[in-house]
């Protein structure tokens, strides 16, 4: 339940599902990062363990369940710093990749 001013506002089932899917997609973005990149993010220990476990899973259904589990764990924490780090990293990534290719020449 969210509180706006003096009134409390209930989230609809659809809003709750969208929030859960958003956190799950954030977890999928974390799984795509390398171990070095994960070290730069200040992740809670249980989320870091779950992300590393997901990296080892190759089958679709177990990976899907692990992604749901990561989304469930992320509900306990504020995802804003993680989302900001990933957005900043992904925006800077193409530039870093182009620089490394120029350095190789």
PDB file of N, CA and C in Angstrom:
ATOM      1  N   UNK A   1       0.830  -1.170   0.000  1.00  0.00           N
ATOM      2  CA  UNK A   1       0.000   0.000   0.000  1.00  0.00           C
ATOM      3  C   UNK A   1       0.882   1.244   0.000  1.00  0.00           C
ATOM      4  N   UNK A   2       0.574   2.192  -0.841  1.00  0.00           N
ATOM      5  CA  UNK A   2       1.317   3.436  -0.882  1.00  0.00           C
ATOM      6  C   UNK A   2       0.492   4.511  -0.204  1.00  0.00           C
ATOM      7  N   UNK A   3       1.174   5.427   0.441  1.00  0.00           N
ATOM      8  CA  UNK A   3       0.478   6.504   1.131  1.00  0.00           C
ATOM      9  C   UNK A   3       0.733   7.799   0.383  1.00  0.00           C
ATOM     10  N   UNK A   4      -0.335   8.458  -0.018  1.00  0.00           N
ATOM     11  CA  UNK A   4      -0.238   9.756  -0.668  1.00  0.00           C
ATOM     12  C   UNK A   4      -0.926  10.763   0.230  1.00  0.00           C
ATOM     13  N   UNK A   5      -0.135  11.650   0.793  1.00  0.00           N
ATOM     14  CA  UNK A   5      -0.702  12.643   1.692  1.00  0.00           C
ATOM     15  C   UNK A   5      -1.350  11.965   2.872  1.00  0.00           C
ATOM     16  N   UNK A   6      -2.636  12.174   3.060  1.00  0.00           N
ATOM     17  CA  UNK A   6      -3.381  11.600   4.172  1.00  0.00           C
ATOM     18  C   UNK A   6      -4.088  10.311   3.777  1.00  0.00           C
ATOM     19  N   UNK A   7      -4.233  10.070   2.457  1.00  0.00           N
ATOM     20  CA  UNK A   7      -4.987   8.918   1.996  1.00  0.00           C
ATOM     21  C   UNK A   7      -4.045   7.774   1.629  1.00  0.00           C
ATOM     22  N   UNK A   8      -4.535   6.573   1.830  1.00  0.00           N
ATOM     23  CA  UNK A   8      -3.756   5.424   1.396  1.00  0.00           C
ATOM     24  C   UNK A   8      -4.321   4.931   0.067  1.00  0.00           C
ATOM     25  N   UNK A   9      -3.413   4.541  -0.833  1.00  0.00           N
ATOM     26  CA  UNK A   9      -3.814   4.100  -2.162  1.00  0.00           C
ATOM     27  C   UNK A   9      -3.391   2.646  -2.316  1.00  0.00           C
ATOM     28  N   UNK A  10      -4.316   1.809  -2.714  1.00  0.00           N
ATOM     29  CA  UNK A  10      -4.008   0.402  -2.946  1.00  0.00           C
ATOM     30  C   UNK A  10      -3.536   0.206  -4.375  1.00  0.00           C
ATOM     31  N   UNK A  11      -2.525  -0.648  -4.519  1.00  0.00           N
ATOM     32  CA  UNK A  11      -2.061  -0.995  -5.860  1.00  0.00           C
ATOM     33  C   UNK A  11      -2.960  -2.086  -6.422  1.00  0.00           C
ATOM     34  N   UNK A  12      -3.295  -1.954  -7.695  1.00  0.00           N
ATOM     35  CA  UNK A  12      -4.101  -2.985  -8.331  1.00  0.00           C
ATOM     36  C   UNK A  12      -3.231  -4.211  -8.599  1.00  0.00           C
ATOM     37  N   UNK A  13      -3.855  -5.305  -8.907  1.00  0.00           N
ATOM     38  CA  UNK A  13      -3.125  -6.525  -9.215  1.00  0.00           C
ATOM     39  C   UNK A  13      -2.219  -6.316 -10.431  1.00  0.00           C
ATOM     40  N   UNK A  14      -2.711  -5.591 -11.419  1.00  0.00           N
ATOM     41  CA  UNK A  14      -1.931  -5.303 -12.614  1.00  0.00           C
ATOM     42  C   UNK A  14      -0.696  -4.482 -12.269  1.00  0.00           C
ATOM     43  N   UNK A  15      -0.843  -3.486 -11.404  1.00  0.00           N
ATOM     44  CA  UNK A  15       0.293  -2.664 -10.999  1.00  0.00           C
ATOM     45  C   UNK A  15       1.333  -3.496 -10.254  1.00  0.00           C
ATOM     46  N   UNK A  16       0.870  -4.406  -9.409  1.00  0.00           N
ATOM     47  CA  UNK A  16       1.797  -5.273  -8.679  1.00  0.00           C
ATOM     48  C   UNK A  16       2.557  -6.184  -9.631  1.00  0.00           C
ATOM     49  N   UNK A  17       1.852  -6.719 -10.639  1.00  0.00           N
ATOM     50  CA  UNK A  17       2.500  -7.595 -11.614  1.00  0.00           C
ATOM     51  C   UNK A  17       3.519  -6.826 -12.443  1.00  0.00           C
ATOM     52  N   UNK A  18       3.187  -5.595 -12.844  1.00  0.00           N
ATOM     53  CA  UNK A  18       4.124  -4.788 -13.619  1.00  0.00           C
ATOM     54  C   UNK A  18       5.373  -4.476 -12.803  1.00  0.00           C
ATOM     55  N   UNK A  19       5.194  -4.195 -11.533  1.00  0.00           N
ATOM     56  CA  UNK A  19       6.341  -3.922 -10.661  1.00  0.00           C
ATOM     57  C   UNK A  19       7.208  -5.167 -10.520  1.00  0.00           C
ATOM     58  N   UNK A  20       6.583  -6.331 -10.368  1.00  0.00           N
ATOM     59  CA  UNK A  20       7.330  -7.587 -10.233  1.00  0.00           C
ATOM     60  C   UNK A  20       8.092  -7.898 -11.518  1.00  0.00           C
ATOM     61  N   UNK A  21       7.471  -7.689 -12.661  1.00  0.00           N
ATOM     62  CA  UNK A  21       8.136  -7.932 -13.946  1.00  0.00           C
ATOM     63  C   UNK A  21       9.288  -6.958 -14.163  1.00  0.00           C
ATOM     64  N   UNK A  22       9.111  -5.731 -13.717  1.00  0.00           N
ATOM     65  CA  UNK A  22      10.173  -4.737 -13.830  1.00  0.00           C
ATOM     66  C   UNK A  22      11.406  -5.170 -13.036  1.00  0.00           C
ATOM     67  N   UNK A  23      11.196  -5.674 -11.831  1.00  0.00           N
ATOM     68  CA  UNK A  23      12.309  -6.142 -11.010  1.00  0.00           C
ATOM     69  C   UNK A  23      12.951  -7.389 -11.613  1.00  0.00           C
ATOM     70  N   UNK A  24      12.133  -8.233 -12.204  1.00  0.00           N
ATOM     71  CA  UNK A  24      12.659  -9.442 -12.847  1.00  0.00           C
ATOM     72  C   UNK A  24      13.527  -9.061 -14.051  1.00  0.00           C
ATOM     73  N   UNK A  25      13.094  -8.079 -14.831  1.00  0.00           N
ATOM     74  CA  UNK A  25      13.885  -7.611 -15.975  1.00  0.00           C
ATOM     75  C   UNK A  25      15.185  -6.966 -15.506  1.00  0.00           C
ATOM     76  N   UNK A  26      15.147  -6.295 -14.379  1.00  0.00           N
ATOM     77  CA  UNK A  26      16.356  -5.722 -13.804  1.00  0.00           C
ATOM     78  C   UNK A  26      17.335  -6.838 -13.431  1.00  0.00           C
ATOM     79  N   UNK A  27      16.801  -7.917 -12.893  1.00  0.00           N
ATOM     80  CA  UNK A  27      17.623  -9.077 -12.577  1.00  0.00           C
ATOM     81  C   UNK A  27      18.244  -9.690 -13.817  1.00  0.00           C
ATOM     82  N   UNK A  28      17.497  -9.725 -14.917  1.00  0.00           N
ATOM     83  CA  UNK A  28      18.023 -10.257 -16.176  1.00  0.00           C
ATOM     84  C   UNK A  28      19.186  -9.403 -16.678  1.00  0.00           C
ATOM     85  N   UNK A  29      19.077  -8.096 -16.488  1.00  0.00           N
ATOM     86  CA  UNK A  29      20.170  -7.206 -16.877  1.00  0.00           C
ATOM     87  C   UNK A  29      21.407  -7.474 -16.020  1.00  0.00           C
ATOM     88  N   UNK A  30      21.197  -7.781 -14.742  1.00  0.00           N
ATOM     89  CA  UNK A  30      22.318  -8.083 -13.847  1.00  0.00           C
ATOM     90  C   UNK A  30      23.027  -9.369 -14.270  1.00  0.00           C
ATOM     91  N   UNK A  31      22.253 -10.360 -14.692  1.00  0.00           N
ATOM     92  CA  UNK A  31      22.826 -11.650 -15.081  1.00  0.00           C
ATOM     93  C   UNK A  31      23.727 -11.504 -16.308  1.00  0.00           C
ATOM     94  N   UNK A  32      23.451 -10.543 -17.157  1.00  0.00           N
ATOM     95  CA  UNK A  32      24.243 -10.339 -18.371  1.00  0.00           C
ATOM     96  C   UNK A  32      25.601  -9.699 -18.082  1.00  0.00           C
ATOM     97  N   UNK A  33      25.782  -9.132 -16.896  1.00  0.00           N
ATOM     98  CA  UNK A  33      27.041  -8.480 -16.555  1.00  0.00           C
ATOM     99  C   UNK A  33      28.120  -9.501 -16.212  1.00  0.00           C
ATOM    100  N   UNK A  34      29.372  -9.108 -16.385  1.00  0.00           N
ATOM    101  CA  UNK A  34      30.484  -9.971 -15.999  1.00  0.00           C
ATOM    102  C   UNK A  34      30.669  -9.903 -14.480  1.00  0.00           C
ATOM    103  N   UNK A  35      31.482 -10.803 -13.948  1.00  0.00           N
ATOM    104  CA  UNK A  35      31.741 -10.810 -12.504  1.00  0.00           C
ATOM    105  C   UNK A  35      32.420  -9.519 -12.062  1.00  0.00           C
ATOM    106  N   UNK A  36      33.308  -8.985 -12.884  1.00  0.00           N
ATOM    107  CA  UNK A  36      33.986  -7.721 -12.555  1.00  0.00           C
ATOM    108  C   UNK A  36      32.986  -6.578 -12.466  1.00  0.00           C
ATOM    109  N   UNK A  37      32.051  -6.549 -13.393  1.00  0.00           N
ATOM    110  CA  UNK A  37      31.043  -5.488 -13.392  1.00  0.00           C
ATOM    111  C   UNK A  37      30.111  -5.639 -12.195  1.00  0.00           C
ATOM    112  N   UNK A  38      29.798  -6.877 -11.825  1.00  0.00           N
ATOM    113  CA  UNK A  38      28.935  -7.100 -10.665  1.00  0.00           C
ATOM    114  C   UNK A  38      29.595  -6.628  -9.376  1.00  0.00           C
ATOM    115  N   UNK A  39      30.918  -6.732  -9.309  1.00  0.00           N
ATOM    116  CA  UNK A  39      31.633  -6.290  -8.112  1.00  0.00           C
ATOM    117  C   UNK A  39      31.515  -4.785  -7.911  1.00  0.00           C
ATOM    118  N   UNK A  40      31.347  -4.043  -9.002  1.00  0.00           N
ATOM    119  CA  UNK A  40      31.244  -2.583  -8.912  1.00  0.00           C
ATOM    120  C   UNK A  40      29.907  -2.119  -8.351  1.00  0.00           C
ATOM    121  N   UNK A  41      28.896  -2.985  -8.431  1.00  0.00           N
ATOM    122  CA  UNK A  41      27.577  -2.640  -7.917  1.00  0.00           C
ATOM    123  C   UNK A  41      27.503  -3.098  -6.467  1.00  0.00           C
ATOM    124  N   UNK A  42      26.945  -2.264  -5.628  1.00  0.00           N
ATOM    125  CA  UNK A  42      26.801  -2.619  -4.217  1.00  0.00           C
ATOM    126  C   UNK A  42      25.512  -3.435  -4.049  1.00  0.00           C
ATOM    127  N   UNK A  43      25.597  -4.725  -4.424  1.00  0.00           N
ATOM    128  CA  UNK A  43      24.433  -5.611  -4.331  1.00  0.00           C
ATOM    129  C   UNK A  43      24.394  -6.290  -2.971  1.00  0.00           C
ATOM    130  N   UNK A  44      23.204  -6.468  -2.416  1.00  0.00           N
ATOM    131  CA  UNK A  44      23.089  -7.286  -1.205  1.00  0.00           C
ATOM    132  C   UNK A  44      23.576  -8.703  -1.484  1.00  0.00           C
ATOM    133  N   UNK A  45      24.114  -9.355  -0.473  1.00  0.00           N
ATOM    134  CA  UNK A  45      24.733 -10.667  -0.641  1.00  0.00           C
ATOM    135  C   UNK A  45      23.829 -11.711  -1.240  1.00  0.00           C
ATOM    136  N   UNK A  46      22.560 -11.777  -0.785  1.00  0.00           N
ATOM    137  CA  UNK A  46      21.674 -12.819  -1.295  1.00  0.00           C
ATOM    138  C   UNK A  46      21.324 -12.603  -2.772  1.00  0.00           C
ATOM    139  N   UNK A  47      21.244 -11.361  -3.205  1.00  0.00           N
ATOM    140  CA  UNK A  47      20.968 -11.089  -4.619  1.00  0.00           C
ATOM    141  C   UNK A  47      22.193 -11.447  -5.463  1.00  0.00           C
ATOM    142  N   UNK A  48      23.379 -11.123  -4.965  1.00  0.00           N
ATOM    143  CA  UNK A  48      24.604 -11.450  -5.690  1.00  0.00           C
ATOM    144  C   UNK A  48      24.749 -12.960  -5.867  1.00  0.00           C
ATOM    145  N   UNK A  49      24.448 -13.721  -4.813  1.00  0.00           N
ATOM    146  CA  UNK A  49      24.521 -15.186  -4.895  1.00  0.00           C
ATOM    147  C   UNK A  49      23.504 -15.706  -5.909  1.00  0.00           C
ATOM    148  N   UNK A  50      22.291 -15.148  -5.900  1.00  0.00           N
ATOM    149  CA  UNK A  50      21.242 -15.587  -6.826  1.00  0.00           C
ATOM    150  C   UNK A  50      21.612 -15.252  -8.275  1.00  0.00           C
ATOM    151  N   UNK A  51      22.229 -14.097  -8.494  1.00  0.00           N
ATOM    152  CA  UNK A  51      22.637 -13.703  -9.843  1.00  0.00           C
ATOM    153  C   UNK A  51      23.739 -14.632 -10.344  1.00  0.00           C
ATOM    154  N   UNK A  52      24.710 -14.936  -9.481  1.00  0.00           N
ATOM    155  CA  UNK A  52      25.795 -15.845  -9.891  1.00  0.00           C
ATOM    156  C   UNK A  52      25.253 -17.250 -10.163  1.00  0.00           C
ATOM    157  N   UNK A  53      24.262 -17.675  -9.387  1.00  0.00           N
ATOM    158  CA  UNK A  53      23.645 -18.983  -9.632  1.00  0.00           C
ATOM    159  C   UNK A  53      22.922 -18.993 -10.979  1.00  0.00           C
ATOM    160  N   UNK A  54      22.260 -17.885 -11.309  1.00  0.00           N
ATOM    161  CA  UNK A  54      21.543 -17.797 -12.587  1.00  0.00           C
ATOM    162  C   UNK A  54      22.508 -17.863 -13.763  1.00  0.00           C
ATOM    163  N   UNK A  55      23.711 -17.332 -13.598  1.00  0.00           N
ATOM    164  CA  UNK A  55      24.695 -17.372 -14.675  1.00  0.00           C
ATOM    165  C   UNK A  55      25.111 -18.802 -14.997  1.00  0.00           C
ATOM    166  N   UNK A  56      25.037 -19.684 -14.003  1.00  0.00           N
ATOM    167  CA  UNK A  56      25.455 -21.075 -14.198  1.00  0.00           C
ATOM    168  C   UNK A  56      24.349 -21.940 -14.794  1.00  0.00           C
ATOM    169  N   UNK A  57      23.120 -21.454 -14.791  1.00  0.00           N
ATOM    170  CA  UNK A  57      21.978 -22.230 -15.282  1.00  0.00           C
ATOM    171  C   UNK A  57      21.856 -22.054 -16.798  1.00  0.00           C
ATOM    172  N   UNK A  58      21.761 -23.157 -17.505  1.00  0.00           N
ATOM    173  CA  UNK A  58      21.674 -23.113 -18.974  1.00  0.00           C
ATOM    174  C   UNK A  58      20.290 -23.462 -19.511  1.00  0.00           C
ATOM    175  N   UNK A  59      19.510 -24.223 -18.777  1.00  0.00           N
ATOM    176  CA  UNK A  59      18.171 -24.644 -19.231  1.00  0.00           C
ATOM    177  C   UNK A  59      17.169 -23.507 -19.037  1.00  0.00           C
ATOM    178  N   UNK A  60      16.189 -23.435 -19.927  1.00  0.00           N
ATOM    179  CA  UNK A  60      15.245 -22.321 -19.935  1.00  0.00           C
ATOM    180  C   UNK A  60      14.354 -22.268 -18.691  1.00  0.00           C
ATOM    181  N   UNK A  61      13.683 -23.365 -18.358  1.00  0.00           N
ATOM    182  CA  UNK A  61      12.737 -23.327 -17.238  1.00  0.00           C
ATOM    183  C   UNK A  61      13.404 -23.050 -15.894  1.00  0.00           C
ATOM    184  N   UNK A  62      14.505 -23.712 -15.557  1.00  0.00           N
ATOM    185  CA  UNK A  62      15.165 -23.371 -14.287  1.00  0.00           C
ATOM    186  C   UNK A  62      15.674 -21.925 -14.267  1.00  0.00           C
ATOM    187  N   UNK A  63      16.124 -21.434 -15.420  1.00  0.00           N
ATOM    188  CA  UNK A  63      16.589 -20.053 -15.493  1.00  0.00           C
ATOM    189  C   UNK A  63      15.432 -19.089 -15.277  1.00  0.00           C
ATOM    190  N   UNK A  64      14.291 -19.411 -15.840  1.00  0.00           N
ATOM    191  CA  UNK A  64      13.101 -18.587 -15.651  1.00  0.00           C
ATOM    192  C   UNK A  64      12.697 -18.522 -14.179  1.00  0.00           C
ATOM    193  N   UNK A  65      12.733 -19.665 -13.503  1.00  0.00           N
ATOM    194  CA  UNK A  65      12.407 -19.684 -12.070  1.00  0.00           C
ATOM    195  C   UNK A  65      13.422 -18.881 -11.266  1.00  0.00           C
ATOM    196  N   UNK A  66      14.690 -18.959 -11.653  1.00  0.00           N
ATOM    197  CA  UNK A  66      15.731 -18.216 -10.946  1.00  0.00           C
ATOM    198  C   UNK A  66      15.531 -16.711 -11.139  1.00  0.00           C
ATOM    199  N   UNK A  67      15.106 -16.307 -12.333  1.00  0.00           N
ATOM    200  CA  UNK A  67      14.833 -14.891 -12.589  1.00  0.00           C
ATOM    201  C   UNK A  67      13.673 -14.401 -11.712  1.00  0.00           C
ATOM    202  N   UNK A  68      12.661 -15.241 -11.571  1.00  0.00           N
ATOM    203  CA  UNK A  68      11.545 -14.886 -10.689  1.00  0.00           C
ATOM    204  C   UNK A  68      12.015 -14.762  -9.244  1.00  0.00           C
ATOM    205  N   UNK A  69      12.917 -15.649  -8.842  1.00  0.00           N
ATOM    206  CA  UNK A  69      13.462 -15.606  -7.490  1.00  0.00           C
ATOM    207  C   UNK A  69      14.264 -14.320  -7.269  1.00  0.00           C
ATOM    208  N   UNK A  70      15.063 -13.935  -8.254  1.00  0.00           N
ATOM    209  CA  UNK A  70      15.827 -12.695  -8.146  1.00  0.00           C
ATOM    210  C   UNK A  70      14.880 -11.501  -8.018  1.00  0.00           C
ATOM    211  N   UNK A  71      13.808 -11.495  -8.810  1.00  0.00           N
ATOM    212  CA  UNK A  71      12.808 -10.431  -8.708  1.00  0.00           C
ATOM    213  C   UNK A  71      12.175 -10.379  -7.332  1.00  0.00           C
ATOM    214  N   UNK A  72      11.914 -11.552  -6.745  1.00  0.00           N
ATOM    215  CA  UNK A  72      11.339 -11.622  -5.402  1.00  0.00           C
ATOM    216  C   UNK A  72      12.314 -11.053  -4.378  1.00  0.00           C
ATOM    217  N   UNK A  73      13.581 -11.401  -4.504  1.00  0.00           N
ATOM    218  CA  UNK A  73      14.586 -10.877  -3.569  1.00  0.00           C
ATOM    219  C   UNK A  73      14.721  -9.364  -3.688  1.00  0.00           C
ATOM    220  N   UNK A  74      14.621  -8.862  -4.908  1.00  0.00           N
ATOM    221  CA  UNK A  74      14.820  -7.425  -5.127  1.00  0.00           C
ATOM    222  C   UNK A  74      13.677  -6.586  -4.569  1.00  0.00           C
ATOM    223  N   UNK A  75      12.540  -7.184  -4.297  1.00  0.00           N
ATOM    224  CA  UNK A  75      11.419  -6.433  -3.708  1.00  0.00           C
ATOM    225  C   UNK A  75      11.757  -5.912  -2.323  1.00  0.00           C
ATOM    226  N   UNK A  76      12.689  -6.571  -1.654  1.00  0.00           N
ATOM    227  CA  UNK A  76      13.053  -6.180  -0.287  1.00  0.00           C
ATOM    228  C   UNK A  76      13.981  -4.975  -0.253  1.00  0.00           C
ATOM    229  N   UNK A  77      14.545  -4.603  -1.407  1.00  0.00           N
ATOM    230  CA  UNK A  77      15.528  -3.529  -1.467  1.00  0.00           C
ATOM    231  C   UNK A  77      15.089  -2.461  -2.452  1.00  0.00           C
ATOM    232  N   UNK A  78      15.691  -1.296  -2.328  1.00  0.00           N
ATOM    233  CA  UNK A  78      15.411  -0.208  -3.256  1.00  0.00           C
ATOM    234  C   UNK A  78      16.181  -0.463  -4.552  1.00  0.00           C
ATOM    235  N   UNK A  79      15.490  -0.662  -5.672  1.00  0.00           N
ATOM    236  CA  UNK A  79      16.184  -0.978  -6.929  1.00  0.00           C
ATOM    237  C   UNK A  79      16.747   0.248  -7.645  1.00  0.00           C
ATOM    238  N   UNK A  80      16.465   1.440  -7.148  1.00  0.00           N
ATOM    239  CA  UNK A  80      16.877   2.654  -7.847  1.00  0.00           C
ATOM    240  C   UNK A  80      18.386   2.743  -8.063  1.00  0.00           C
ATOM    241  N   UNK A  81      19.237   2.515  -7.037  1.00  0.00           N
ATOM    242  CA  UNK A  81      20.681   2.614  -7.291  1.00  0.00           C
ATOM    243  C   UNK A  81      21.176   1.581  -8.303  1.00  0.00           C
ATOM    244  N   UNK A  82      20.611   0.390  -8.273  1.00  0.00           N
ATOM    245  CA  UNK A  82      21.010  -0.654  -9.219  1.00  0.00           C
ATOM    246  C   UNK A  82      20.599  -0.253 -10.629  1.00  0.00           C
ATOM    247  N   UNK A  83      19.376   0.238 -10.762  1.00  0.00           N
ATOM    248  CA  UNK A  83      18.866   0.656 -12.076  1.00  0.00           C
ATOM    249  C   UNK A  83      19.699   1.810 -12.627  1.00  0.00           C
ATOM    250  N   UNK A  84      20.057   2.784 -11.772  1.00  0.00           N
ATOM    251  CA  UNK A  84      20.862   3.923 -12.223  1.00  0.00           C
ATOM    252  C   UNK A  84      22.243   3.468 -12.685  1.00  0.00           C
ATOM    253  N   UNK A  85      22.862   2.539 -11.930  1.00  0.00           N
ATOM    254  CA  UNK A  85      24.172   2.036 -12.326  1.00  0.00           C
ATOM    255  C   UNK A  85      24.094   1.346 -13.677  1.00  0.00           C
ATOM    256  N   UNK A  86      23.093   0.486 -13.855  1.00  0.00           N
ATOM    257  CA  UNK A  86      22.961  -0.242 -15.118  1.00  0.00           C
ATOM    258  C   UNK A  86      22.696   0.701 -16.286  1.00  0.00           C
ATOM    259  N   UNK A  87      21.851   1.709 -16.071  1.00  0.00           N
ATOM    260  CA  UNK A  87      21.576   2.672 -17.138  1.00  0.00           C
ATOM    261  C   UNK A  87      22.841   3.425 -17.521  1.00  0.00           C
ATOM    262  N   UNK A  88      23.596   3.882 -16.523  1.00  0.00           N
ATOM    263  CA  UNK A  88      24.833   4.617 -16.792  1.00  0.00           C
ATOM    264  C   UNK A  88      25.851   3.710 -17.474  1.00  0.00           C
ATOM    265  N   UNK A  89      25.936   2.481 -17.026  1.00  0.00           N
ATOM    266  CA  UNK A  89      26.891   1.539 -17.611  1.00  0.00           C
ATOM    267  C   UNK A  89      26.537   1.238 -19.056  1.00  0.00           C
ATOM    268  N   UNK A  90      25.259   0.986 -19.341  1.00  0.00           N
ATOM    269  CA  UNK A  90      24.843   0.641 -20.696  1.00  0.00           C
ATOM    270  C   UNK A  90      24.959   1.821 -21.653  1.00  0.00           C
ATOM    271  N   UNK A  91      24.797   3.035 -21.144  1.00  0.00           N
ATOM    272  CA  UNK A  91      24.971   4.204 -22.005  1.00  0.00           C
ATOM    273  C   UNK A  91      26.437   4.423 -22.334  1.00  0.00           C
ATOM    274  N   UNK A  92      27.330   4.123 -21.390  1.00  0.00           N
ATOM    275  CA  UNK A  92      28.749   4.313 -21.614  1.00  0.00           C
ATOM    276  C   UNK A  92      29.412   3.153 -22.295  1.00  0.00           C
ATOM    277  N   UNK A  93      28.749   1.998 -22.347  1.00  0.00           N
ATOM    278  CA  UNK A  93      29.365   0.788 -22.879  1.00  0.00           C
ATOM    279  C   UNK A  93      29.757   0.901 -24.344  1.00  0.00           C
ATOM    280  N   UNK A  94      28.899   1.399 -25.247  1.00  0.00           N
ATOM    281  CA  UNK A  94      29.306   1.488 -26.654  1.00  0.00           C
ATOM    282  C   UNK A  94      30.530   2.391 -26.836  1.00  0.00           C
ATOM    283  N   UNK A  95      30.625   3.458 -26.048  1.00  0.00           N
ATOM    284  CA  UNK A  95      31.770   4.354 -26.144  1.00  0.00           C
ATOM    285  C   UNK A  95      33.034   3.643 -25.689  1.00  0.00           C
ATOM    286  N   UNK A  96      32.953   2.884 -24.611  1.00  0.00           N
ATOM    287  CA  UNK A  96      34.115   2.158 -24.109  1.00  0.00           C
ATOM    288  C   UNK A  96      34.555   1.107 -25.120  1.00  0.00           C
ATOM    289  N   UNK A  97      33.607   0.449 -25.740  1.00  0.00           N
ATOM    290  CA  UNK A  97      33.917  -0.596 -26.726  1.00  0.00           C
ATOM    291  C   UNK A  97      34.625   0.008 -27.929  1.00  0.00           C
ATOM    292  N   UNK A  98      34.162   1.168 -28.393  1.00  0.00           N
ATOM    293  CA  UNK A  98      34.779   1.825 -29.540  1.00  0.00           C
ATOM    294  C   UNK A  98      36.194   2.288 -29.190  1.00  0.00           C
ATOM    295  N   UNK A  99      36.406   2.782 -27.967  1.00  0.00           N
ATOM    296  CA  UNK A  99      37.727   3.208 -27.551  1.00  0.00           C
ATOM    297  C   UNK A  99      38.690   2.034 -27.494  1.00  0.00           C
ATOM    298  N   UNK A 100      38.231   0.904 -27.007  1.00  0.00           N
ATOM    299  CA  UNK A 100      39.120  -0.256 -26.905  1.00  0.00           C
ATOM    300  C   UNK A 100      39.509  -0.764 -28.296  1.00  0.00           C
ATOM    301  N   UNK A 101      38.613  -0.660 -29.272  1.00  0.00           N
ATOM    302  CA  UNK A 101      38.935  -1.075 -30.628  1.00  0.00           C
ATOM    303  C   UNK A 101      39.953  -0.122 -31.254  1.00  0.00           C
ATOM    304  N   UNK A 102      39.851   1.177 -30.946  1.00  0.00           N
ATOM    305  CA  UNK A 102      40.816   2.133 -31.465  1.00  0.00           C
ATOM    306  C   UNK A 102      42.180   1.904 -30.835  1.00  0.00           C
ATOM    307  N   UNK A 103      42.217   1.544 -29.574  1.00  0.00           N
ATOM    308  CA  UNK A 103      43.478   1.308 -28.873  1.00  0.00           C
ATOM    309  C   UNK A 103      44.197   0.097 -29.441  1.00  0.00           C
ATOM    310  N   UNK A 104      43.433  -0.873 -29.942  1.00  0.00           N
ATOM    311  CA  UNK A 104      44.034  -2.074 -30.500  1.00  0.00           C
ATOM    312  C   UNK A 104      44.769  -1.784 -31.803  1.00  0.00           C
ATOM    313  N   UNK A 105      44.362  -0.751 -32.548  1.00  0.00           N
ATOM    314  CA  UNK A 105      44.956  -0.429 -33.850  1.00  0.00           C
ATOM    315  C   UNK A 105      46.300   0.211 -33.724  1.00  0.00           C
TER     316      UNK A 105
END
